[in-house]
């Protein structure tokens, strides 16, 4: 279940209202990951619950929920879609890490990528 709107992270509210995935939200997520874990690889392994080398949307929702970021299911789906550079419906480690690198480089632009 989604948290009530008033309990959402302020950046999540803005993304929902603008219907975009803002790189600043990815920065917030990355900072939360750094507080909870020693590395991006460690976070990836924690979120990859079935240890198949990919993070599915279900696994991402659970991982984000465990971080208590106050994100809705639909916003997490948009984040996952924006991170899924090869559009196969799941994230490998490189997509996971590269999405945060893209966010760092784009500044205030929205995260998007061409779909082949």
PDB file of N, CA and C in Angstrom:
ATOM      1  N   UNK A   1       0.831  -1.202   0.000  1.00  0.00           N
ATOM      2  CA  UNK A   1       0.000   0.000   0.000  1.00  0.00           C
ATOM      3  C   UNK A   1       0.866   1.251   0.000  1.00  0.00           C
ATOM      4  N   UNK A   2       0.375   2.255  -0.684  1.00  0.00           N
ATOM      5  CA  UNK A   2       1.087   3.533  -0.725  1.00  0.00           C
ATOM      6  C   UNK A   2       0.891   4.289   0.582  1.00  0.00           C
ATOM      7  N   UNK A   3       1.930   5.033   0.995  1.00  0.00           N
ATOM      8  CA  UNK A   3       1.748   5.908   2.156  1.00  0.00           C
ATOM      9  C   UNK A   3       0.798   7.046   1.791  1.00  0.00           C
ATOM     10  N   UNK A   4       0.131   7.642   2.782  1.00  0.00           N
ATOM     11  CA  UNK A   4      -0.720   8.802   2.494  1.00  0.00           C
ATOM     12  C   UNK A   4       0.099   9.927   1.867  1.00  0.00           C
ATOM     13  N   UNK A   5      -0.524  10.735   1.019  1.00  0.00           N
ATOM     14  CA  UNK A   5       0.187  11.788   0.302  1.00  0.00           C
ATOM     15  C   UNK A   5       0.960  12.696   1.241  1.00  0.00           C
ATOM     16  N   UNK A   6       0.387  13.017   2.394  1.00  0.00           N
ATOM     17  CA  UNK A   6       1.062  13.931   3.326  1.00  0.00           C
ATOM     18  C   UNK A   6       2.293  13.299   3.972  1.00  0.00           C
ATOM     19  N   UNK A   7       2.478  11.957   3.833  1.00  0.00           N
ATOM     20  CA  UNK A   7       3.652  11.293   4.375  1.00  0.00           C
ATOM     21  C   UNK A   7       4.716  11.018   3.316  1.00  0.00           C
ATOM     22  N   UNK A   8       4.457  11.440   2.089  1.00  0.00           N
ATOM     23  CA  UNK A   8       5.423  11.225   1.019  1.00  0.00           C
ATOM     24  C   UNK A   8       6.605  12.163   1.173  1.00  0.00           C
ATOM     25  N   UNK A   9       7.737  11.744   0.668  1.00  0.00           N
ATOM     26  CA  UNK A   9       8.919  12.606   0.636  1.00  0.00           C
ATOM     27  C   UNK A   9       8.577  13.824  -0.228  1.00  0.00           C
ATOM     28  N   UNK A  10       8.997  15.024   0.152  1.00  0.00           N
ATOM     29  CA  UNK A  10       8.673  16.230  -0.635  1.00  0.00           C
ATOM     30  C   UNK A  10       9.061  16.112  -2.114  1.00  0.00           C
ATOM     31  N   UNK A  11      10.202  15.501  -2.407  1.00  0.00           N
ATOM     32  CA  UNK A  11      10.611  15.340  -3.798  1.00  0.00           C
ATOM     33  C   UNK A  11       9.683  14.366  -4.515  1.00  0.00           C
ATOM     34  N   UNK A  12       9.178  13.361  -3.789  1.00  0.00           N
ATOM     35  CA  UNK A  12       8.225  12.409  -4.380  1.00  0.00           C
ATOM     36  C   UNK A  12       6.928  13.133  -4.732  1.00  0.00           C
ATOM     37  N   UNK A  13       6.476  14.011  -3.855  1.00  0.00           N
ATOM     38  CA  UNK A  13       5.258  14.776  -4.140  1.00  0.00           C
ATOM     39  C   UNK A  13       5.421  15.592  -5.415  1.00  0.00           C
ATOM     40  N   UNK A  14       6.578  16.241  -5.542  1.00  0.00           N
ATOM     41  CA  UNK A  14       6.837  17.067  -6.728  1.00  0.00           C
ATOM     42  C   UNK A  14       6.850  16.214  -7.992  1.00  0.00           C
ATOM     43  N   UNK A  15       7.485  15.053  -7.922  1.00  0.00           N
ATOM     44  CA  UNK A  15       7.543  14.166  -9.089  1.00  0.00           C
ATOM     45  C   UNK A  15       6.156  13.666  -9.472  1.00  0.00           C
ATOM     46  N   UNK A  16       5.341  13.353  -8.486  1.00  0.00           N
ATOM     47  CA  UNK A  16       3.979  12.897  -8.755  1.00  0.00           C
ATOM     48  C   UNK A  16       3.182  14.022  -9.400  1.00  0.00           C
ATOM     49  N   UNK A  17       3.289  15.215  -8.857  1.00  0.00           N
ATOM     50  CA  UNK A  17       2.525  16.344  -9.390  1.00  0.00           C
ATOM     51  C   UNK A  17       2.979  16.712 -10.799  1.00  0.00           C
ATOM     52  N   UNK A  18       4.267  16.588 -11.087  1.00  0.00           N
ATOM     53  CA  UNK A  18       4.798  16.936 -12.411  1.00  0.00           C
ATOM     54  C   UNK A  18       4.809  15.743 -13.364  1.00  0.00           C
ATOM     55  N   UNK A  19       4.540  14.528 -12.822  1.00  0.00           N
ATOM     56  CA  UNK A  19       4.525  13.284 -13.584  1.00  0.00           C
ATOM     57  C   UNK A  19       5.858  13.029 -14.282  1.00  0.00           C
ATOM     58  N   UNK A  20       6.952  13.219 -13.534  1.00  0.00           N
ATOM     59  CA  UNK A  20       8.309  12.969 -14.042  1.00  0.00           C
ATOM     60  C   UNK A  20       9.141  12.311 -12.946  1.00  0.00           C
ATOM     61  N   UNK A  21      10.265  11.742 -13.352  1.00  0.00           N
ATOM     62  CA  UNK A  21      11.263  11.265 -12.401  1.00  0.00           C
ATOM     63  C   UNK A  21      12.391  12.283 -12.421  1.00  0.00           C
ATOM     64  N   UNK A  22      12.485  13.064 -11.381  1.00  0.00           N
ATOM     65  CA  UNK A  22      13.487  14.120 -11.277  1.00  0.00           C
ATOM     66  C   UNK A  22      14.800  13.524 -10.774  1.00  0.00           C
ATOM     67  N   UNK A  23      15.931  13.892 -11.371  1.00  0.00           N
ATOM     68  CA  UNK A  23      17.227  13.392 -10.893  1.00  0.00           C
ATOM     69  C   UNK A  23      17.476  13.685  -9.423  1.00  0.00           C
ATOM     70  N   UNK A  24      16.889  14.750  -8.916  1.00  0.00           N
ATOM     71  CA  UNK A  24      17.073  15.070  -7.498  1.00  0.00           C
ATOM     72  C   UNK A  24      16.469  13.982  -6.618  1.00  0.00           C
ATOM     73  N   UNK A  25      15.383  13.342  -7.087  1.00  0.00           N
ATOM     74  CA  UNK A  25      14.804  12.237  -6.335  1.00  0.00           C
ATOM     75  C   UNK A  25      15.768  11.056  -6.309  1.00  0.00           C
ATOM     76  N   UNK A  26      16.423  10.785  -7.437  1.00  0.00           N
ATOM     77  CA  UNK A  26      17.415   9.716  -7.453  1.00  0.00           C
ATOM     78  C   UNK A  26      18.573  10.036  -6.512  1.00  0.00           C
ATOM     79  N   UNK A  27      18.923  11.304  -6.403  1.00  0.00           N
ATOM     80  CA  UNK A  27      19.967  11.707  -5.457  1.00  0.00           C
ATOM     81  C   UNK A  27      19.536  11.442  -4.019  1.00  0.00           C
ATOM     82  N   UNK A  28      18.271  11.718  -3.713  1.00  0.00           N
ATOM     83  CA  UNK A  28      17.734  11.443  -2.378  1.00  0.00           C
ATOM     84  C   UNK A  28      17.788   9.946  -2.099  1.00  0.00           C
ATOM     85  N   UNK A  29      17.399   9.152  -3.089  1.00  0.00           N
ATOM     86  CA  UNK A  29      17.423   7.695  -2.933  1.00  0.00           C
ATOM     87  C   UNK A  29      18.855   7.217  -2.723  1.00  0.00           C
ATOM     88  N   UNK A  30      19.773   7.743  -3.527  1.00  0.00           N
ATOM     89  CA  UNK A  30      21.173   7.336  -3.410  1.00  0.00           C
ATOM     90  C   UNK A  30      21.727   7.704  -2.032  1.00  0.00           C
ATOM     91  N   UNK A  31      21.410   8.869  -1.533  1.00  0.00           N
ATOM     92  CA  UNK A  31      21.879   9.272  -0.207  1.00  0.00           C
ATOM     93  C   UNK A  31      21.334   8.338   0.866  1.00  0.00           C
ATOM     94  N   UNK A  32      20.061   7.961   0.738  1.00  0.00           N
ATOM     95  CA  UNK A  32      19.465   7.031   1.705  1.00  0.00           C
ATOM     96  C   UNK A  32      20.159   5.673   1.641  1.00  0.00           C
ATOM     97  N   UNK A  33      20.505   5.236   0.429  1.00  0.00           N
ATOM     98  CA  UNK A  33      21.213   3.967   0.279  1.00  0.00           C
ATOM     99  C   UNK A  33      22.581   4.032   0.941  1.00  0.00           C
ATOM    100  N   UNK A  34      23.275   5.157   0.773  1.00  0.00           N
ATOM    101  CA  UNK A  34      24.605   5.309   1.353  1.00  0.00           C
ATOM    102  C   UNK A  34      24.558   5.304   2.874  1.00  0.00           C
ATOM    103  N   UNK A  35      23.473   5.809   3.455  1.00  0.00           N
ATOM    104  CA  UNK A  35      23.313   5.796   4.900  1.00  0.00           C
ATOM    105  C   UNK A  35      23.085   4.366   5.394  1.00  0.00           C
ATOM    106  N   UNK A  36      22.294   3.607   4.637  1.00  0.00           N
ATOM    107  CA  UNK A  36      21.926   2.250   5.063  1.00  0.00           C
ATOM    108  C   UNK A  36      22.951   1.194   4.707  1.00  0.00           C
ATOM    109  N   UNK A  37      23.819   1.467   3.754  1.00  0.00           N
ATOM    110  CA  UNK A  37      24.701   0.414   3.259  1.00  0.00           C
ATOM    111  C   UNK A  37      26.063   0.973   2.900  1.00  0.00           C
ATOM    112  N   UNK A  38      27.019   0.072   2.772  1.00  0.00           N
ATOM    113  CA  UNK A  38      28.380   0.486   2.485  1.00  0.00           C
ATOM    114  C   UNK A  38      28.643   0.712   1.007  1.00  0.00           C
ATOM    115  N   UNK A  39      27.818   0.148   0.119  1.00  0.00           N
ATOM    116  CA  UNK A  39      28.078   0.315  -1.305  1.00  0.00           C
ATOM    117  C   UNK A  39      26.812   0.086  -2.126  1.00  0.00           C
ATOM    118  N   UNK A  40      26.837   0.582  -3.354  1.00  0.00           N
ATOM    119  CA  UNK A  40      25.730   0.352  -4.288  1.00  0.00           C
ATOM    120  C   UNK A  40      25.603  -1.135  -4.578  1.00  0.00           C
ATOM    121  N   UNK A  41      26.738  -1.819  -4.701  1.00  0.00           N
ATOM    122  CA  UNK A  41      26.698  -3.263  -4.967  1.00  0.00           C
ATOM    123  C   UNK A  41      25.992  -3.990  -3.827  1.00  0.00           C
ATOM    124  N   UNK A  42      26.248  -3.591  -2.603  1.00  0.00           N
ATOM    125  CA  UNK A  42      25.594  -4.207  -1.454  1.00  0.00           C
ATOM    126  C   UNK A  42      24.087  -3.974  -1.500  1.00  0.00           C
ATOM    127  N   UNK A  43      23.676  -2.754  -1.822  1.00  0.00           N
ATOM    128  CA  UNK A  43      22.249  -2.455  -1.946  1.00  0.00           C
ATOM    129  C   UNK A  43      21.635  -3.308  -3.053  1.00  0.00           C
ATOM    130  N   UNK A  44      22.314  -3.397  -4.189  1.00  0.00           N
ATOM    131  CA  UNK A  44      21.804  -4.204  -5.289  1.00  0.00           C
ATOM    132  C   UNK A  44      21.596  -5.649  -4.836  1.00  0.00           C
ATOM    133  N   UNK A  45      22.563  -6.202  -4.149  1.00  0.00           N
ATOM    134  CA  UNK A  45      22.444  -7.590  -3.665  1.00  0.00           C
ATOM    135  C   UNK A  45      21.313  -7.747  -2.664  1.00  0.00           C
ATOM    136  N   UNK A  46      21.122  -6.748  -1.799  1.00  0.00           N
ATOM    137  CA  UNK A  46      20.013  -6.807  -0.842  1.00  0.00           C
ATOM    138  C   UNK A  46      18.664  -6.776  -1.552  1.00  0.00           C
ATOM    139  N   UNK A  47      18.549  -5.913  -2.536  1.00  0.00           N
ATOM    140  CA  UNK A  47      17.277  -5.771  -3.251  1.00  0.00           C
ATOM    141  C   UNK A  47      17.004  -6.953  -4.168  1.00  0.00           C
ATOM    142  N   UNK A  48      18.036  -7.588  -4.695  1.00  0.00           N
ATOM    143  CA  UNK A  48      17.888  -8.756  -5.569  1.00  0.00           C
ATOM    144  C   UNK A  48      17.605  -9.978  -4.697  1.00  0.00           C
ATOM    145  N   UNK A  49      16.386 -10.070  -4.229  1.00  0.00           N
ATOM    146  CA  UNK A  49      16.014 -11.069  -3.222  1.00  0.00           C
ATOM    147  C   UNK A  49      16.142 -12.505  -3.711  1.00  0.00           C
ATOM    148  N   UNK A  50      15.919 -12.735  -5.014  1.00  0.00           N
ATOM    149  CA  UNK A  50      16.032 -14.112  -5.509  1.00  0.00           C
ATOM    150  C   UNK A  50      17.436 -14.410  -6.057  1.00  0.00           C
ATOM    151  N   UNK A  51      18.327 -13.447  -5.965  1.00  0.00           N
ATOM    152  CA  UNK A  51      19.739 -13.600  -6.341  1.00  0.00           C
ATOM    153  C   UNK A  51      19.934 -14.078  -7.775  1.00  0.00           C
ATOM    154  N   UNK A  52      19.102 -13.544  -8.686  1.00  0.00           N
ATOM    155  CA  UNK A  52      19.245 -13.922 -10.104  1.00  0.00           C
ATOM    156  C   UNK A  52      20.057 -12.904 -10.897  1.00  0.00           C
ATOM    157  N   UNK A  53      20.558 -11.870 -10.220  1.00  0.00           N
ATOM    158  CA  UNK A  53      21.365 -10.863 -10.897  1.00  0.00           C
ATOM    159  C   UNK A  53      20.561  -9.703 -11.456  1.00  0.00           C
ATOM    160  N   UNK A  54      19.267  -9.667 -11.141  1.00  0.00           N
ATOM    161  CA  UNK A  54      18.379  -8.604 -11.617  1.00  0.00           C
ATOM    162  C   UNK A  54      17.481  -8.131 -10.484  1.00  0.00           C
ATOM    163  N   UNK A  55      17.087  -6.868 -10.556  1.00  0.00           N
ATOM    164  CA  UNK A  55      16.088  -6.335  -9.638  1.00  0.00           C
ATOM    165  C   UNK A  55      14.800  -6.154 -10.434  1.00  0.00           C
ATOM    166  N   UNK A  56      13.763  -6.830 -10.007  1.00  0.00           N
ATOM    167  CA  UNK A  56      12.446  -6.679 -10.634  1.00  0.00           C
ATOM    168  C   UNK A  56      11.725  -5.504  -9.985  1.00  0.00           C
ATOM    169  N   UNK A  57      10.613  -5.119 -10.569  1.00  0.00           N
ATOM    170  CA  UNK A  57       9.823  -4.033  -9.987  1.00  0.00           C
ATOM    171  C   UNK A  57       9.384  -4.406  -8.573  1.00  0.00           C
ATOM    172  N   UNK A  58       8.958  -5.641  -8.378  1.00  0.00           N
ATOM    173  CA  UNK A  58       8.528  -6.083  -7.046  1.00  0.00           C
ATOM    174  C   UNK A  58       9.675  -5.967  -6.041  1.00  0.00           C
ATOM    175  N   UNK A  59      10.867  -6.386  -6.449  1.00  0.00           N
ATOM    176  CA  UNK A  59      12.027  -6.296  -5.561  1.00  0.00           C
ATOM    177  C   UNK A  59      12.397  -4.840  -5.282  1.00  0.00           C
ATOM    178  N   UNK A  60      12.274  -3.987  -6.303  1.00  0.00           N
ATOM    179  CA  UNK A  60      12.584  -2.571  -6.111  1.00  0.00           C
ATOM    180  C   UNK A  60      11.590  -1.930  -5.145  1.00  0.00           C
ATOM    181  N   UNK A  61      10.311  -2.265  -5.300  1.00  0.00           N
ATOM    182  CA  UNK A  61       9.305  -1.718  -4.377  1.00  0.00           C
ATOM    183  C   UNK A  61       9.616  -2.122  -2.944  1.00  0.00           C
ATOM    184  N   UNK A  62       9.975  -3.388  -2.745  1.00  0.00           N
ATOM    185  CA  UNK A  62      10.286  -3.860  -1.402  1.00  0.00           C
ATOM    186  C   UNK A  62      11.532  -3.163  -0.863  1.00  0.00           C
ATOM    187  N   UNK A  63      12.571  -3.023  -1.704  1.00  0.00           N
ATOM    188  CA  UNK A  63      13.804  -2.356  -1.281  1.00  0.00           C
ATOM    189  C   UNK A  63      13.569  -0.905  -0.906  1.00  0.00           C
ATOM    190  N   UNK A  64      12.800  -0.208  -1.725  1.00  0.00           N
ATOM    191  CA  UNK A  64      12.500   1.203  -1.426  1.00  0.00           C
ATOM    192  C   UNK A  64      11.643   1.317  -0.175  1.00  0.00           C
ATOM    193  N   UNK A  65      10.703   0.387   0.002  1.00  0.00           N
ATOM    194  CA  UNK A  65       9.859   0.406   1.202  1.00  0.00           C
ATOM    195  C   UNK A  65      10.717   0.199   2.449  1.00  0.00           C
ATOM    196  N   UNK A  66      11.703  -0.689   2.355  1.00  0.00           N
ATOM    197  CA  UNK A  66      12.596  -0.940   3.487  1.00  0.00           C
ATOM    198  C   UNK A  66      13.394   0.296   3.869  1.00  0.00           C
ATOM    199  N   UNK A  67      13.577   1.212   2.917  1.00  0.00           N
ATOM    200  CA  UNK A  67      14.321   2.445   3.183  1.00  0.00           C
ATOM    201  C   UNK A  67      13.429   3.555   3.721  1.00  0.00           C
ATOM    202  N   UNK A  68      12.126   3.324   3.756  1.00  0.00           N
ATOM    203  CA  UNK A  68      11.163   4.289   4.312  1.00  0.00           C
ATOM    204  C   UNK A  68      11.290   5.670   3.672  1.00  0.00           C
ATOM    205  N   UNK A  69      11.302   5.690   2.345  1.00  0.00           N
ATOM    206  CA  UNK A  69      11.451   6.953   1.623  1.00  0.00           C
ATOM    207  C   UNK A  69      10.127   7.655   1.351  1.00  0.00           C
ATOM    208  N   UNK A  70       9.028   6.975   1.567  1.00  0.00           N
ATOM    209  CA  UNK A  70       7.734   7.594   1.305  1.00  0.00           C
ATOM    210  C   UNK A  70       7.486   7.781  -0.176  1.00  0.00           C
ATOM    211  N   UNK A  71       7.605   6.699  -0.959  1.00  0.00           N
ATOM    212  CA  UNK A  71       7.356   6.739  -2.404  1.00  0.00           C
ATOM    213  C   UNK A  71       6.148   5.864  -2.736  1.00  0.00           C
ATOM    214  N   UNK A  72       5.368   6.281  -3.707  1.00  0.00           N
ATOM    215  CA  UNK A  72       4.210   5.483  -4.121  1.00  0.00           C
ATOM    216  C   UNK A  72       4.656   4.358  -5.052  1.00  0.00           C
ATOM    217  N   UNK A  73       3.799   3.355  -5.173  1.00  0.00           N
ATOM    218  CA  UNK A  73       4.097   2.243  -6.079  1.00  0.00           C
ATOM    219  C   UNK A  73       4.233   2.724  -7.513  1.00  0.00           C
ATOM    220  N   UNK A  74       3.362   3.648  -7.921  1.00  0.00           N
ATOM    221  CA  UNK A  74       3.421   4.128  -9.306  1.00  0.00           C
ATOM    222  C   UNK A  74       4.698   4.943  -9.554  1.00  0.00           C
ATOM    223  N   UNK A  75       5.147   5.706  -8.575  1.00  0.00           N
ATOM    224  CA  UNK A  75       6.383   6.469  -8.743  1.00  0.00           C
ATOM    225  C   UNK A  75       7.586   5.518  -8.788  1.00  0.00           C
ATOM    226  N   UNK A  76       7.580   4.493  -7.964  1.00  0.00           N
ATOM    227  CA  UNK A  76       8.665   3.507  -8.009  1.00  0.00           C
ATOM    228  C   UNK A  76       8.683   2.824  -9.372  1.00  0.00           C
ATOM    229  N   UNK A  77       7.515   2.533  -9.926  1.00  0.00           N
ATOM    230  CA  UNK A  77       7.443   1.933 -11.268  1.00  0.00           C
ATOM    231  C   UNK A  77       8.035   2.878 -12.309  1.00  0.00           C
ATOM    232  N   UNK A  78       7.769   4.165 -12.192  1.00  0.00           N
ATOM    233  CA  UNK A  78       8.344   5.142 -13.127  1.00  0.00           C
ATOM    234  C   UNK A  78       9.865   5.220 -12.971  1.00  0.00           C
ATOM    235  N   UNK A  79      10.327   5.167 -11.737  1.00  0.00           N
ATOM    236  CA  UNK A  79      11.767   5.186 -11.491  1.00  0.00           C
ATOM    237  C   UNK A  79      12.406   3.947 -12.116  1.00  0.00           C
ATOM    238  N   UNK A  80      11.808   2.782 -11.877  1.00  0.00           N
ATOM    239  CA  UNK A  80      12.340   1.531 -12.434  1.00  0.00           C
ATOM    240  C   UNK A  80      12.363   1.585 -13.955  1.00  0.00           C
ATOM    241  N   UNK A  81      11.296   2.104 -14.545  1.00  0.00           N
ATOM    242  CA  UNK A  81      11.225   2.211 -16.007  1.00  0.00           C
ATOM    243  C   UNK A  81      12.312   3.148 -16.537  1.00  0.00           C
ATOM    244  N   UNK A  82      12.548   4.249 -15.845  1.00  0.00           N
ATOM    245  CA  UNK A  82      13.577   5.193 -16.271  1.00  0.00           C
ATOM    246  C   UNK A  82      14.974   4.592 -16.136  1.00  0.00           C
ATOM    247  N   UNK A  83      15.159   3.708 -15.182  1.00  0.00           N
ATOM    248  CA  UNK A  83      16.455   3.080 -14.954  1.00  0.00           C
ATOM    249  C   UNK A  83      16.695   1.900 -15.897  1.00  0.00           C
ATOM    250  N   UNK A  84      15.634   1.345 -16.451  1.00  0.00           N
ATOM    251  CA  UNK A  84      15.697   0.133 -17.282  1.00  0.00           C
ATOM    252  C   UNK A  84      16.095   0.496 -18.708  1.00  0.00           C
ATOM    253  N   UNK A  85      17.375   0.741 -18.925  1.00  0.00           N
ATOM    254  CA  UNK A  85      17.866   1.250 -20.201  1.00  0.00           C
ATOM    255  C   UNK A  85      17.639   0.299 -21.368  1.00  0.00           C
ATOM    256  N   UNK A  86      17.632  -1.011 -21.119  1.00  0.00           N
ATOM    257  CA  UNK A  86      17.406  -1.946 -22.229  1.00  0.00           C
ATOM    258  C   UNK A  86      15.940  -2.384 -22.340  1.00  0.00           C
ATOM    259  N   UNK A  87      15.085  -1.840 -21.493  1.00  0.00           N
ATOM    260  CA  UNK A  87      13.628  -2.057 -21.551  1.00  0.00           C
ATOM    261  C   UNK A  87      13.233  -3.527 -21.490  1.00  0.00           C
ATOM    262  N   UNK A  88      13.953  -4.304 -20.663  1.00  0.00           N
ATOM    263  CA  UNK A  88      13.592  -5.715 -20.526  1.00  0.00           C
ATOM    264  C   UNK A  88      12.751  -6.003 -19.285  1.00  0.00           C
ATOM    265  N   UNK A  89      12.374  -4.961 -18.553  1.00  0.00           N
ATOM    266  CA  UNK A  89      11.500  -5.127 -17.406  1.00  0.00           C
ATOM    267  C   UNK A  89      12.198  -5.460 -16.101  1.00  0.00           C
ATOM    268  N   UNK A  90      13.525  -5.431 -16.100  1.00  0.00           N
ATOM    269  CA  UNK A  90      14.285  -5.688 -14.882  1.00  0.00           C
ATOM    270  C   UNK A  90      15.616  -4.956 -14.981  1.00  0.00           C
ATOM    271  N   UNK A  91      16.217  -4.724 -13.825  1.00  0.00           N
ATOM    272  CA  UNK A  91      17.468  -3.960 -13.776  1.00  0.00           C
ATOM    273  C   UNK A  91      18.639  -4.868 -13.481  1.00  0.00           C
ATOM    274  N   UNK A  92      19.660  -4.791 -14.325  1.00  0.00           N
ATOM    275  CA  UNK A  92      20.906  -5.466 -13.964  1.00  0.00           C
ATOM    276  C   UNK A  92      21.757  -4.459 -13.184  1.00  0.00           C
ATOM    277  N   UNK A  93      22.887  -4.916 -12.680  1.00  0.00           N
ATOM    278  CA  UNK A  93      23.710  -4.051 -11.835  1.00  0.00           C
ATOM    279  C   UNK A  93      24.166  -2.794 -12.571  1.00  0.00           C
ATOM    280  N   UNK A  94      24.567  -2.928 -13.826  1.00  0.00           N
ATOM    281  CA  UNK A  94      25.043  -1.767 -14.582  1.00  0.00           C
ATOM    282  C   UNK A  94      23.949  -0.728 -14.759  1.00  0.00           C
ATOM    283  N   UNK A  95      22.735  -1.152 -15.059  1.00  0.00           N
ATOM    284  CA  UNK A  95      21.626  -0.195 -15.185  1.00  0.00           C
ATOM    285  C   UNK A  95      21.389   0.511 -13.853  1.00  0.00           C
ATOM    286  N   UNK A  96      21.423  -0.250 -12.788  1.00  0.00           N
ATOM    287  CA  UNK A  96      21.195   0.278 -11.444  1.00  0.00           C
ATOM    288  C   UNK A  96      22.197   1.382 -11.125  1.00  0.00           C
ATOM    289  N   UNK A  97      23.463   1.093 -11.329  1.00  0.00           N
ATOM    290  CA  UNK A  97      24.521   2.061 -11.023  1.00  0.00           C
ATOM    291  C   UNK A  97      24.510   3.222 -12.010  1.00  0.00           C
ATOM    292  N   UNK A  98      24.361   2.923 -13.287  1.00  0.00           N
ATOM    293  CA  UNK A  98      24.399   3.977 -14.312  1.00  0.00           C
ATOM    294  C   UNK A  98      23.265   4.974 -14.177  1.00  0.00           C
ATOM    295  N   UNK A  99      22.110   4.548 -13.710  1.00  0.00           N
ATOM    296  CA  UNK A  99      20.996   5.483 -13.524  1.00  0.00           C
ATOM    297  C   UNK A  99      21.378   6.581 -12.541  1.00  0.00           C
ATOM    298  N   UNK A 100      22.101   6.224 -11.509  1.00  0.00           N
ATOM    299  CA  UNK A 100      22.522   7.225 -10.533  1.00  0.00           C
ATOM    300  C   UNK A 100      23.626   8.111 -11.088  1.00  0.00           C
ATOM    301  N   UNK A 101      24.475   7.572 -11.939  1.00  0.00           N
ATOM    302  CA  UNK A 101      25.490   8.392 -12.605  1.00  0.00           C
ATOM    303  C   UNK A 101      24.837   9.395 -13.541  1.00  0.00           C
ATOM    304  N   UNK A 102      23.820   8.963 -14.277  1.00  0.00           N
ATOM    305  CA  UNK A 102      23.078   9.858 -15.176  1.00  0.00           C
ATOM    306  C   UNK A 102      22.440  10.966 -14.362  1.00  0.00           C
ATOM    307  N   UNK A 103      21.859  10.614 -13.221  1.00  0.00           N
ATOM    308  CA  UNK A 103      21.225  11.626 -12.365  1.00  0.00           C
ATOM    309  C   UNK A 103      22.234  12.664 -11.904  1.00  0.00           C
ATOM    310  N   UNK A 104      23.442  12.215 -11.561  1.00  0.00           N
ATOM    311  CA  UNK A 104      24.476  13.148 -11.118  1.00  0.00           C
ATOM    312  C   UNK A 104      24.857  14.128 -12.228  1.00  0.00           C
ATOM    313  N   UNK A 105      24.860  13.668 -13.475  1.00  0.00           N
ATOM    314  CA  UNK A 105      25.306  14.486 -14.597  1.00  0.00           C
ATOM    315  C   UNK A 105      24.224  15.378 -15.173  1.00  0.00           C
ATOM    316  N   UNK A 106      22.950  15.041 -14.940  1.00  0.00           N
ATOM    317  CA  UNK A 106      21.886  15.791 -15.596  1.00  0.00           C
ATOM    318  C   UNK A 106      21.435  17.011 -14.827  1.00  0.00           C
ATOM    319  N   UNK A 107      21.810  17.122 -13.588  1.00  0.00           N
ATOM    320  CA  UNK A 107      21.389  18.285 -12.818  1.00  0.00           C
ATOM    321  C   UNK A 107      19.887  18.327 -12.648  1.00  0.00           C
ATOM    322  N   UNK A 108      19.255  19.377 -13.109  1.00  0.00           N
ATOM    323  CA  UNK A 108      17.823  19.557 -12.894  1.00  0.00           C
ATOM    324  C   UNK A 108      16.966  18.957 -14.003  1.00  0.00           C
ATOM    325  N   UNK A 109      17.573  18.379 -15.023  1.00  0.00           N
ATOM    326  CA  UNK A 109      16.788  17.769 -16.093  1.00  0.00           C
ATOM    327  C   UNK A 109      16.102  16.520 -15.615  1.00  0.00           C
ATOM    328  N   UNK A 110      15.080  16.092 -16.322  1.00  0.00           N
ATOM    329  CA  UNK A 110      14.369  14.865 -15.985  1.00  0.00           C
ATOM    330  C   UNK A 110      15.132  13.678 -16.545  1.00  0.00           C
ATOM    331  N   UNK A 111      15.025  12.560 -15.856  1.00  0.00           N
ATOM    332  CA  UNK A 111      15.665  11.337 -16.310  1.00  0.00           C
ATOM    333  C   UNK A 111      14.820  10.739 -17.417  1.00  0.00           C
ATOM    334  N   UNK A 112      15.444  10.529 -18.547  1.00  0.00           N
ATOM    335  CA  UNK A 112      14.775   9.830 -19.642  1.00  0.00           C
ATOM    336  C   UNK A 112      15.865   9.244 -20.520  1.00  0.00           C
ATOM    337  N   UNK A 113      15.487   8.308 -21.336  1.00  0.00           N
ATOM    338  CA  UNK A 113      16.436   7.712 -22.253  1.00  0.00           C
ATOM    339  C   UNK A 113      15.669   7.195 -23.451  1.00  0.00           C
ATOM    340  N   UNK A 114      16.330   7.081 -24.591  1.00  0.00           N
ATOM    341  CA  UNK A 114      15.632   6.610 -25.781  1.00  0.00           C
ATOM    342  C   UNK A 114      15.267   5.144 -25.644  1.00  0.00           C
ATOM    343  N   UNK A 115      14.109   4.808 -26.135  1.00  0.00           N
ATOM    344  CA  UNK A 115      13.646   3.424 -26.170  1.00  0.00           C
ATOM    345  C   UNK A 115      13.773   2.922 -27.598  1.00  0.00           C
ATOM    346  N   UNK A 116      14.956   2.341 -27.918  1.00  0.00           N
ATOM    347  CA  UNK A 116      15.332   1.779 -29.183  1.00  0.00           C
ATOM    348  C   UNK A 116      14.469   1.935 -30.275  1.00  0.00           C
TER     349      UNK A 116
END
